[in-house]
Amino acid sequence: TGTPRHQLVSHTDDSEVTLNICVGDQFEGGLLRFYGLRGTKEEGQLVGEFEPVIGTALIHAGRHLHEVTTVESGDRYAYVVWARSWNGVRAQTCPCCWLNRRKGEECICGKRWN
């Protein structure tokens, strides 16, 4: 089995919308910290924190830069669902290239995007 993570670094999701449901055991820490939307002037600026509650769901834009702070005790689990579309930016750019801000380079994903 893999090594469990005790935090998750800032990232965006490969989705238009993300559903994040807190499931599992009691834990302390593990806040969801949100920063401005990627590609906007607010990108990187802290806009708020959410303290997960077991059985509660949170919906956010995939472009929202976010992280999970360190879990101090217990086990934090999340059930995450991404909703994606092939319209808009996805019709023009590979999602991997968009997330990694590749421009003018050959796509490493090939002709078939993930």
Foldseek 3Di string as FASTA:
>chain_A
DDDDDQKWAWAFALAQKKKKAKADDDFPFFKKWWFDFPPDPRGPPTDDIHDHDHGDMDMDGSRITIMTTGTPDDDIDIDMDGHHDCPDPNVPDASVCVRVVDDPDDDPCPPDHD
